[in-house]
C-alpha atoms as a PDB file:
ATOM      1  CA  MET A   1      17.432  48.891 144.324  1.00  0.00           C
ATOM      2  CA  SER A   2      16.997  45.504 145.944  1.00  0.00           C
ATOM      3  CA  ILE A   3      16.075  42.456 143.930  1.00  0.00           C
ATOM      4  CA  GLN A   4      12.388  41.738 144.526  1.00  0.00           C
ATOM      5  CA  SER A   5      11.950  38.166 143.335  1.00  0.00           C
ATOM      6  CA  LEU A   6      12.789  35.414 140.890  1.00  0.00           C
ATOM      7  CA  GLY A   7      10.942  36.647 137.827  1.00  0.00           C
ATOM      8  CA  TYR A   8      11.630  33.909 135.289  1.00  0.00           C
ATOM      9  CA  LEU A   9      13.873  31.087 134.187  1.00  0.00           C
ATOM     10  CA  ARG A  10      15.077  30.553 130.645  1.00  0.00           C
ATOM     11  CA  VAL A  11      16.589  27.159 129.820  1.00  0.00           C
ATOM     12  CA  ARG A  12      18.063  25.582 126.684  1.00  0.00           C
ATOM     13  CA  SER A  13      17.078  22.122 125.528  1.00  0.00           C
ATOM     14  CA  SER A  14      17.035  19.866 122.490  1.00  0.00           C
ATOM     15  CA  LYS A  15      14.027  18.009 123.947  1.00  0.00           C
ATOM     16  CA  LEU A  16      11.270  20.498 123.263  1.00  0.00           C
ATOM     17  CA  ASP A  17       8.650  17.816 122.605  1.00  0.00           C
ATOM     18  CA  GLU A  18       9.334  16.239 125.995  1.00  0.00           C
ATOM     19  CA  TRP A  19       9.302  19.629 127.701  1.00  0.00           C
ATOM     20  CA  GLU A  20       5.924  20.477 126.199  1.00  0.00           C
ATOM     21  CA  THR A  21       4.359  17.377 127.700  1.00  0.00           C
ATOM     22  CA  PHE A  22       6.208  17.714 131.004  1.00  0.00           C
ATOM     23  CA  ALA A  23       5.549  21.427 131.581  1.00  0.00           C
ATOM     24  CA  ARG A  24       1.928  21.432 130.418  1.00  0.00           C
ATOM     25  CA  ASP A  25       0.569  18.008 131.340  1.00  0.00           C
ATOM     26  CA  VAL A  26       2.666  17.107 134.389  1.00  0.00           C
ATOM     27  CA  LEU A  27       3.619  20.370 136.088  1.00  0.00           C
ATOM     28  CA  GLY A  28       0.404  22.061 134.982  1.00  0.00           C
ATOM     29  CA  PHE A  29       1.928  25.229 133.507  1.00  0.00           C
ATOM     30  CA  MET A  30      -0.139  27.224 131.005  1.00  0.00           C
ATOM     31  CA  PRO A  31       1.367  27.354 127.483  1.00  0.00           C
ATOM     32  CA  ALA A  32       1.699  30.917 126.213  1.00  0.00           C
ATOM     33  CA  TYR A  33       2.890  32.767 123.142  1.00  0.00           C
ATOM     34  CA  GLY A  34       6.098  34.769 122.935  1.00  0.00           C
ATOM     35  CA  PRO A  35       8.252  36.645 120.440  1.00  0.00           C
ATOM     36  CA  ASP A  36      10.484  33.636 119.665  1.00  0.00           C
ATOM     37  CA  ALA A  37       8.398  31.266 117.557  1.00  0.00           C
ATOM     38  CA  ASP A  38      10.844  28.421 118.192  1.00  0.00           C
ATOM     39  CA  ALA A  39      10.723  28.718 121.996  1.00  0.00           C
ATOM     40  CA  GLN A  40       8.143  27.491 124.482  1.00  0.00           C
ATOM     41  CA  TYR A  41       6.665  29.984 126.945  1.00  0.00           C
ATOM     42  CA  TYR A  42       4.785  28.983 130.084  1.00  0.00           C
ATOM     43  CA  ARG A  43       2.677  31.001 132.516  1.00  0.00           C
ATOM     44  CA  LEU A  44       1.907  30.461 136.187  1.00  0.00           C
ATOM     45  CA  ASP A  45       0.116  33.757 136.818  1.00  0.00           C
ATOM     46  CA  LYS A  46      -0.605  37.131 135.199  1.00  0.00           C
ATOM     47  CA  TYR A  47       2.983  37.571 134.002  1.00  0.00           C
ATOM     48  CA  PRO A  48       3.562  36.949 130.272  1.00  0.00           C
ATOM     49  CA  TYR A  49       5.720  33.946 131.211  1.00  0.00           C
ATOM     50  CA  ARG A  50       7.654  32.504 134.117  1.00  0.00           C
ATOM     51  CA  PHE A  51       9.433  29.672 132.317  1.00  0.00           C
ATOM     52  CA  VAL A  52      10.879  29.537 128.808  1.00  0.00           C
ATOM     53  CA  VAL A  53      12.501  26.661 126.939  1.00  0.00           C
ATOM     54  CA  VAL A  54      14.623  27.754 123.982  1.00  0.00           C
ATOM     55  CA  PRO A  55      16.098  25.356 121.409  1.00  0.00           C
ATOM     56  CA  GLY A  56      19.711  24.406 121.984  1.00  0.00           C
ATOM     57  CA  ASP A  57      21.991  21.399 121.674  1.00  0.00           C
ATOM     58  CA  ASP A  58      23.633  22.010 125.063  1.00  0.00           C
ATOM     59  CA  ALA A  59      20.967  21.730 127.739  1.00  0.00           C
ATOM     60  CA  GLY A  60      21.321  24.209 130.581  1.00  0.00           C
ATOM     61  CA  LEU A  61      20.576  27.642 131.916  1.00  0.00           C
ATOM     62  CA  GLU A  62      19.967  30.412 129.411  1.00  0.00           C
ATOM     63  CA  ALA A  63      19.227  32.965 132.151  1.00  0.00           C
ATOM     64  CA  VAL A  64      18.008  33.341 135.712  1.00  0.00           C
ATOM     65  CA  GLY A  65      15.815  36.455 135.634  1.00  0.00           C
ATOM     66  CA  TYR A  66      15.372  38.575 138.771  1.00  0.00           C
ATOM     67  CA  GLU A  67      12.890  41.433 138.989  1.00  0.00           C
ATOM     68  CA  VAL A  68      13.422  44.969 140.306  1.00  0.00           C
ATOM     69  CA  GLY A  69      10.877  47.750 140.738  1.00  0.00           C
ATOM     70  CA  ASP A  70      11.594  50.223 137.945  1.00  0.00           C
ATOM     71  CA  ASP A  71      14.156  51.809 135.626  1.00  0.00           C
ATOM     72  CA  ARG A  72      15.946  53.628 138.460  1.00  0.00           C
ATOM     73  CA  ASP A  73      16.329  50.394 140.385  1.00  0.00           C
ATOM     74  CA  LEU A  74      17.751  48.759 137.252  1.00  0.00           C
ATOM     75  CA  ALA A  75      20.237  51.624 136.835  1.00  0.00           C
ATOM     76  CA  ALA A  76      21.251  51.298 140.491  1.00  0.00           C
ATOM     77  CA  VAL A  77      21.878  47.574 140.054  1.00  0.00           C
ATOM     78  CA  ALA A  78      23.962  48.275 136.942  1.00  0.00           C
ATOM     79  CA  ALA A  79      26.054  50.820 138.851  1.00  0.00           C
ATOM     80  CA  ARG A  80      26.713  48.404 141.718  1.00  0.00           C
ATOM     81  CA  LEU A  81      27.665  45.615 139.338  1.00  0.00           C
ATOM     82  CA  GLU A  82      30.062  47.843 137.430  1.00  0.00           C
ATOM     83  CA  ALA A  83      31.581  49.123 140.687  1.00  0.00           C
ATOM     84  CA  ALA A  84      32.207  45.476 141.619  1.00  0.00           C
ATOM     85  CA  GLY A  85      34.031  44.927 138.323  1.00  0.00           C
ATOM     86  CA  VAL A  86      31.281  42.911 136.645  1.00  0.00           C
ATOM     87  CA  ALA A  87      30.846  43.276 132.886  1.00  0.00           C
ATOM     88  CA  VAL A  88      27.243  44.371 132.332  1.00  0.00           C
ATOM     89  CA  LYS A  89      25.309  44.245 129.066  1.00  0.00           C
ATOM     90  CA  LEU A  90      22.359  46.639 128.947  1.00  0.00           C
ATOM     91  CA  GLY A  91      19.531  45.353 126.772  1.00  0.00           C
ATOM     92  CA  ASP A  92      18.322  47.810 124.140  1.00  0.00           C
ATOM     93  CA  ALA A  93      14.647  48.461 123.438  1.00  0.00           C
ATOM     94  CA  GLU A  94      14.396  45.713 120.838  1.00  0.00           C
ATOM     95  CA  ALA A  95      16.050  43.142 123.087  1.00  0.00           C
ATOM     96  CA  ALA A  96      13.765  44.141 125.965  1.00  0.00           C
ATOM     97  CA  LYS A  97      10.745  43.714 123.702  1.00  0.00           C
ATOM     98  CA  GLU A  98      11.932  40.196 122.909  1.00  0.00           C
ATOM     99  CA  ARG A  99      11.943  39.511 126.661  1.00  0.00           C
ATOM    100  CA  LEU A 100       8.460  41.068 127.071  1.00  0.00           C
ATOM    101  CA  VAL A 101       9.865  43.479 129.658  1.00  0.00           C
ATOM    102  CA  SER A 102      10.343  47.242 129.803  1.00  0.00           C
ATOM    103  CA  GLY A 103      14.090  47.021 130.389  1.00  0.00           C
ATOM    104  CA  TYR A 104      16.786  44.580 131.458  1.00  0.00           C
ATOM    105  CA  LEU A 105      20.498  43.957 131.823  1.00  0.00           C
ATOM    106  CA  ALA A 106      22.558  40.780 131.634  1.00  0.00           C
ATOM    107  CA  PHE A 107      25.785  39.526 133.216  1.00  0.00           C
ATOM    108  CA  GLU A 108      27.479  36.400 134.544  1.00  0.00           C
ATOM    109  CA  ASP A 109      27.875  35.931 138.268  1.00  0.00           C
ATOM    110  CA  PRO A 110      31.193  34.778 139.819  1.00  0.00           C
ATOM    111  CA  ALA A 111      30.302  31.128 139.192  1.00  0.00           C
ATOM    112  CA  GLY A 112      29.500  31.792 135.527  1.00  0.00           C
ATOM    113  CA  VAL A 113      25.723  31.587 135.949  1.00  0.00           C
ATOM    114  CA  PRO A 114      23.936  33.752 133.326  1.00  0.00           C
ATOM    115  CA  VAL A 115      21.760  36.317 135.118  1.00  0.00           C
ATOM    116  CA  GLU A 116      19.272  38.908 133.883  1.00  0.00           C
ATOM    117  CA  ILE A 117      17.772  41.735 135.929  1.00  0.00           C
ATOM    118  CA  PHE A 118      14.563  43.251 134.566  1.00  0.00           C
ATOM    119  CA  TYR A 119      11.682  45.548 135.376  1.00  0.00           C
ATOM    120  CA  GLY A 120       8.206  46.155 133.990  1.00  0.00           C
ATOM    121  CA  PRO A 121       6.855  42.869 132.588  1.00  0.00           C
ATOM    122  CA  ILE A 122       4.539  43.578 129.657  1.00  0.00           C
ATOM    123  CA  LEU A 123       1.152  42.072 130.510  1.00  0.00           C
ATOM    124  CA  ASP A 124      -1.370  40.849 127.942  1.00  0.00           C
ATOM    125  CA  HIS A 125      -4.292  40.654 130.444  1.00  0.00           C
ATOM    126  CA  VAL A 126      -5.339  37.210 129.228  1.00  0.00           C
ATOM    127  CA  PRO A 127      -6.596  35.247 132.261  1.00  0.00           C
ATOM    128  CA  VAL A 128      -4.250  32.478 133.360  1.00  0.00           C
ATOM    129  CA  VAL A 129      -5.764  29.004 133.095  1.00  0.00           C
ATOM    130  CA  THR A 130      -4.104  26.084 134.907  1.00  0.00           C
ATOM    131  CA  PRO A 131      -6.726  23.313 134.935  1.00  0.00           C
ATOM    132  CA  LYS A 132      -4.403  20.741 136.518  1.00  0.00           C
ATOM    133  CA  VAL A 133      -3.377  23.036 139.402  1.00  0.00           C
ATOM    134  CA  SER A 134      -5.686  25.181 141.530  1.00  0.00           C
ATOM    135  CA  GLY A 135      -3.113  27.978 141.400  1.00  0.00           C
ATOM    136  CA  PHE A 136       0.536  28.863 141.991  1.00  0.00           C
ATOM    137  CA  VAL A 137       1.895  30.986 144.859  1.00  0.00           C
ATOM    138  CA  THR A 138       3.728  33.833 143.122  1.00  0.00           C
ATOM    139  CA  GLY A 139       2.840  37.537 143.399  1.00  0.00           C
ATOM    140  CA  ASP A 140       5.397  39.610 145.288  1.00  0.00           C
ATOM    141  CA  MET A 141       7.405  36.443 145.985  1.00  0.00           C
ATOM    142  CA  GLY A 142       7.929  35.666 142.318  1.00  0.00           C
ATOM    143  CA  MET A 143       8.111  32.385 140.451  1.00  0.00           C
ATOM    144  CA  GLY A 144       9.603  30.316 143.278  1.00  0.00           C
ATOM    145  CA  HIS A 145      13.249  29.503 143.899  1.00  0.00           C
ATOM    146  CA  VAL A 146      16.281  28.248 142.023  1.00  0.00           C
ATOM    147  CA  VAL A 147      19.244  26.192 143.257  1.00  0.00           C
ATOM    148  CA  VAL A 148      22.500  26.361 141.317  1.00  0.00           C
ATOM    149  CA  ASN A 149      25.745  24.402 141.390  1.00  0.00           C
ATOM    150  CA  VAL A 150      28.840  26.474 142.228  1.00  0.00           C
ATOM    151  CA  PRO A 151      32.527  25.608 142.737  1.00  0.00           C
ATOM    152  CA  GLU A 152      32.671  27.478 146.066  1.00  0.00           C
ATOM    153  CA  ILE A 153      29.891  28.664 148.351  1.00  0.00           C
ATOM    154  CA  ASP A 154      31.449  31.714 150.022  1.00  0.00           C
ATOM    155  CA  PRO A 155      32.265  33.804 146.893  1.00  0.00           C
ATOM    156  CA  ALA A 156      28.773  33.188 145.527  1.00  0.00           C
ATOM    157  CA  VAL A 157      27.078  34.144 148.808  1.00  0.00           C
ATOM    158  CA  ASP A 158      29.252  37.249 149.245  1.00  0.00           C
ATOM    159  CA  PHE A 159      28.451  38.475 145.747  1.00  0.00           C
ATOM    160  CA  TYR A 160      24.683  38.115 146.072  1.00  0.00           C
ATOM    161  CA  ARG A 161      24.645  39.657 149.553  1.00  0.00           C
ATOM    162  CA  ASP A 162      27.097  42.499 149.003  1.00  0.00           C
ATOM    163  CA  VAL A 163      26.263  43.463 145.417  1.00  0.00           C
ATOM    164  CA  LEU A 164      22.648  42.402 144.845  1.00  0.00           C
ATOM    165  CA  GLY A 165      21.230  42.792 148.359  1.00  0.00           C
ATOM    166  CA  PHE A 166      20.121  39.235 149.116  1.00  0.00           C
ATOM    167  CA  HIS A 167      19.804  38.139 152.757  1.00  0.00           C
ATOM    168  CA  SER A 168      21.250  35.037 154.390  1.00  0.00           C
ATOM    169  CA  ARG A 169      18.709  32.493 155.532  1.00  0.00           C
ATOM    170  CA  ASN A 170      20.524  29.301 156.510  1.00  0.00           C
ATOM    171  CA  THR A 171      23.307  26.858 155.658  1.00  0.00           C
ATOM    172  CA  TRP A 172      23.754  23.113 155.520  1.00  0.00           C
ATOM    173  CA  ASN A 173      27.051  21.194 155.640  1.00  0.00           C
ATOM    174  CA  PHE A 174      27.148  17.435 155.304  1.00  0.00           C
ATOM    175  CA  ASN A 175      30.397  15.595 154.575  1.00  0.00           C
ATOM    176  CA  ALA A 176      31.785  17.139 151.353  1.00  0.00           C
ATOM    177  CA  MET A 177      28.476  18.773 150.460  1.00  0.00           C
ATOM    178  CA  SER A 178      27.567  22.304 151.521  1.00  0.00           C
ATOM    179  CA  MET A 179      24.623  24.561 150.749  1.00  0.00           C
ATOM    180  CA  ALA A 180      23.596  28.146 151.451  1.00  0.00           C
ATOM    181  CA  PHE A 181      20.109  29.622 151.135  1.00  0.00           C
ATOM    182  CA  LEU A 182      19.357  33.301 150.459  1.00  0.00           C
ATOM    183  CA  GLY A 183      16.163  35.339 150.315  1.00  0.00           C
ATOM    184  CA  CYS A 184      14.997  38.666 148.924  1.00  0.00           C
ATOM    185  CA  ASN A 185      11.298  38.670 149.886  1.00  0.00           C
ATOM    186  CA  PRO A 186       9.090  36.920 152.486  1.00  0.00           C
ATOM    187  CA  ARG A 187       9.626  33.527 150.809  1.00  0.00           C
ATOM    188  CA  HIS A 188      12.245  31.739 152.901  1.00  0.00           C
ATOM    189  CA  HIS A 189      14.669  31.461 149.998  1.00  0.00           C
ATOM    190  CA  THR A 190      14.631  32.583 146.396  1.00  0.00           C
ATOM    191  CA  LEU A 191      18.149  31.391 145.640  1.00  0.00           C
ATOM    192  CA  ALA A 192      20.375  28.622 146.965  1.00  0.00           C
ATOM    193  CA  PHE A 193      23.857  27.370 146.163  1.00  0.00           C
ATOM    194  CA  GLY A 194      25.230  23.858 146.337  1.00  0.00           C
ATOM    195  CA  ALA A 195      28.898  22.861 146.276  1.00  0.00           C
ATOM    196  CA  GLY A 196      30.322  19.361 146.324  1.00  0.00           C
ATOM    197  CA  LEU A 197      27.140  17.915 144.875  1.00  0.00           C
ATOM    198  CA  PRO A 198      27.597  15.071 142.351  1.00  0.00           C
ATOM    199  CA  ILE A 199      25.429  16.873 139.806  1.00  0.00           C
ATOM    200  CA  PRO A 200      26.582  17.989 136.340  1.00  0.00           C
ATOM    201  CA  GLY A 201      25.712  21.429 135.024  1.00  0.00           C
ATOM    202  CA  GLN A 202      24.704  24.667 136.717  1.00  0.00           C
ATOM    203  CA  LEU A 203      21.059  24.000 137.512  1.00  0.00           C
ATOM    204  CA  ILE A 204      20.334  21.663 140.432  1.00  0.00           C
ATOM    205  CA  HIS A 205      16.614  22.334 140.655  1.00  0.00           C
ATOM    206  CA  PHE A 206      13.931  24.973 140.547  1.00  0.00           C
ATOM    207  CA  MET A 207      10.844  25.088 142.747  1.00  0.00           C
ATOM    208  CA  VAL A 208       7.262  26.125 142.096  1.00  0.00           C
ATOM    209  CA  GLU A 209       4.759  26.407 144.935  1.00  0.00           C
ATOM    210  CA  ALA A 210       1.141  25.386 144.470  1.00  0.00           C
ATOM    211  CA  ALA A 211      -1.861  26.763 146.320  1.00  0.00           C
ATOM    212  CA  THR A 212      -2.960  23.547 148.058  1.00  0.00           C
ATOM    213  CA  ILE A 213      -1.401  20.363 149.358  1.00  0.00           C
ATOM    214  CA  ASP A 214      -3.799  18.421 147.112  1.00  0.00           C
ATOM    215  CA  ASP A 215      -2.076  20.064 144.139  1.00  0.00           C
ATOM    216  CA  VAL A 216       1.162  18.427 145.288  1.00  0.00           C
ATOM    217  CA  GLY A 217      -0.404  14.995 145.580  1.00  0.00           C
ATOM    218  CA  TYR A 218      -2.087  15.242 142.202  1.00  0.00           C
ATOM    219  CA  ALA A 219       1.177  16.408 140.599  1.00  0.00           C
ATOM    220  CA  GLN A 220       3.051  13.436 142.005  1.00  0.00           C
ATOM    221  CA  ASP A 221       0.345  11.134 140.636  1.00  0.00           C
ATOM    222  CA  ARG A 222       0.668  12.771 137.212  1.00  0.00           C
ATOM    223  CA  CYS A 223       4.413  12.114 137.281  1.00  0.00           C
ATOM    224  CA  LEU A 224       3.892   8.445 138.065  1.00  0.00           C
ATOM    225  CA  ASP A 225       1.138   8.098 135.464  1.00  0.00           C
ATOM    226  CA  ALA A 226       3.312   9.739 132.790  1.00  0.00           C
ATOM    227  CA  GLY A 227       6.416   7.714 133.596  1.00  0.00           C
ATOM    228  CA  VAL A 228       8.296  10.753 134.917  1.00  0.00           C
ATOM    229  CA  THR A 229      10.849   9.782 137.548  1.00  0.00           C
ATOM    230  CA  VAL A 230       9.945  10.933 141.055  1.00  0.00           C
ATOM    231  CA  SER A 231      13.398  11.200 142.596  1.00  0.00           C
ATOM    232  CA  SER A 232      12.282  12.100 146.143  1.00  0.00           C
ATOM    233  CA  SER A 233       8.990  11.254 147.800  1.00  0.00           C
ATOM    234  CA  ILE A 234       6.764  13.862 149.418  1.00  0.00           C
ATOM    235  CA  GLY A 235       8.419  15.303 152.529  1.00  0.00           C
ATOM    236  CA  LYS A 236       8.739  18.423 154.685  1.00  0.00           C
ATOM    237  CA  HIS A 237      11.935  20.483 154.638  1.00  0.00           C
ATOM    238  CA  THR A 238      13.567  21.656 157.853  1.00  0.00           C
ATOM    239  CA  ASN A 239      14.509  25.131 156.635  1.00  0.00           C
ATOM    240  CA  ASP A 240      11.508  26.472 154.689  1.00  0.00           C
ATOM    241  CA  HIS A 241       8.931  23.912 155.952  1.00  0.00           C
ATOM    242  CA  MET A 242       7.896  23.262 152.345  1.00  0.00           C
ATOM    243  CA  ILE A 243       5.937  20.059 151.782  1.00  0.00           C
ATOM    244  CA  SER A 244       7.070  18.895 148.370  1.00  0.00           C
ATOM    245  CA  PHE A 245       8.363  16.154 146.123  1.00  0.00           C
ATOM    246  CA  TYR A 246      11.086  16.190 143.463  1.00  0.00           C
ATOM    247  CA  CYS A 247      10.825  14.918 139.916  1.00  0.00           C
ATOM    248  CA  VAL A 248      13.308  14.703 137.061  1.00  0.00           C
ATOM    249  CA  SER A 249      12.957  17.128 134.155  1.00  0.00           C
ATOM    250  CA  PRO A 250      13.546  16.054 130.537  1.00  0.00           C
ATOM    251  CA  ASP A 251      17.110  17.391 130.814  1.00  0.00           C
ATOM    252  CA  GLY A 252      17.967  15.644 134.054  1.00  0.00           C
ATOM    253  CA  TYR A 253      17.847  18.393 136.668  1.00  0.00           C
ATOM    254  CA  MET A 254      15.138  18.384 139.281  1.00  0.00           C
ATOM    255  CA  VAL A 255      11.875  20.228 139.709  1.00  0.00           C
ATOM    256  CA  GLU A 256      10.538  20.663 143.233  1.00  0.00           C
ATOM    257  CA  PHE A 257       6.761  20.904 143.398  1.00  0.00           C
ATOM    258  CA  GLY A 258       5.635  22.154 146.795  1.00  0.00           C
ATOM    259  CA  TRP A 259       3.087  23.754 149.082  1.00  0.00           C
ATOM    260  CA  GLY A 260       3.041  25.600 152.398  1.00  0.00           C
ATOM    261  CA  GLY A 261       6.475  27.198 152.339  1.00  0.00           C
ATOM    262  CA  LEU A 262       7.553  29.370 155.250  1.00  0.00           C
ATOM    263  CA  GLN A 263       7.000  33.108 154.787  1.00  0.00           C
ATOM    264  CA  LEU A 264       9.003  35.539 156.906  1.00  0.00           C
ATOM    265  CA  GLY A 265       7.495  38.693 158.346  1.00  0.00           C
ATOM    266  CA  GLU A 266       9.983  40.969 156.597  1.00  0.00           C
ATOM    267  CA  PRO A 267      12.061  40.301 153.476  1.00  0.00           C
ATOM    268  CA  GLU A 268      15.262  41.248 155.321  1.00  0.00           C
ATOM    269  CA  GLN A 269      14.576  39.052 158.351  1.00  0.00           C
ATOM    270  CA  LEU A 270      17.647  36.947 159.039  1.00  0.00           C
ATOM    271  CA  THR A 271      17.380  33.283 159.939  1.00  0.00           C
ATOM    272  CA  THR A 272      21.053  32.400 159.812  1.00  0.00           C
ATOM    273  CA  TYR A 273      20.892  28.985 161.387  1.00  0.00           C
ATOM    274  CA  GLN A 274      22.580  25.797 160.215  1.00  0.00           C
ATOM    275  CA  ILE A 275      20.435  22.762 159.540  1.00  0.00           C
ATOM    276  CA  THR A 276      21.792  19.249 160.057  1.00  0.00           C
ATOM    277  CA  LYS A 277      19.372  17.361 157.835  1.00  0.00           C
ATOM    278  CA  PRO A 278      17.282  18.550 154.883  1.00  0.00           C
ATOM    279  CA  SER A 279      13.861  17.251 155.948  1.00  0.00           C
ATOM    280  CA  PHE A 280      11.807  16.565 159.064  1.00  0.00           C
ATOM    281  CA  TRP A 281      10.263  13.607 157.293  1.00  0.00           C
ATOM    282  CA  GLY A 282      10.000  12.161 153.795  1.00  0.00           C
ATOM    283  CA  HIS A 283      11.969  13.240 150.742  1.00  0.00           C
ATOM    284  CA  ARG A 284      13.179   9.650 150.558  1.00  0.00           C
ATOM    285  CA  PRO A 285      15.154   8.851 147.411  1.00  0.00           C
ATOM    286  CA  LEU A 286      13.147   6.640 145.086  1.00  0.00           C
ATOM    287  CA  LYS A 287      15.523   6.280 142.140  1.00  0.00           C
ATOM    288  CA  PRO A 288      19.097   7.407 141.410  1.00  0.00           C
END
């Protein structure tokens, strides 16, 4: 019943015009069509979407969507959540159709983050076209990773390990700031938590991984050309060895655009070390 990957992110925003330019022209996502005519859907691969922006006055997370294998896996997740005392909402057929999936459930995790678990994305078999990026690294490892802001690290980590089957990867503690990184497939981490970070809202950043290092350089150039703030220069992380840079989304949280992330031999391989700095080199702050 284990979670397989980060399947999609759904965010709310009142800045849909800015998101259209940012997602399509800067990040290089492919615009797609979805059931909600007012929302923006974006593809990275064969899936009907990986990223959705829905209209809303309060910018933030609408849902973090994790994928499981099939209906029995979804039922097993629902049973474990209910046994842990979590209120679970099972999506009916119409609601699933609106998500372009075969079935899903929704709940809030202990930190109040809205989560959806789904199976069976409904494919349209239209070839993905990303002319600004040679390709994105997805497949069995999913969309990438997401980092969320939580009041306390330990309850969040315990919940995702004990109830949802994630695996510990590593931790980082620096002054009042602490982080924990968890994985569910060969990608080093699919999910991370930050506590004590001076960042408003639930979403700290999400990461997409491109197929070549040139894709990263070109993406950073597109940010600079478009006037998008590059908050951290290109660097190499100590934990997942990702070479990446960070830019600021229209709603203020970060997007990490990377290449060459560490892949573990087995999804359940533990790498429970503690890092003492985030990067071997680079990732220098450029603007507040």
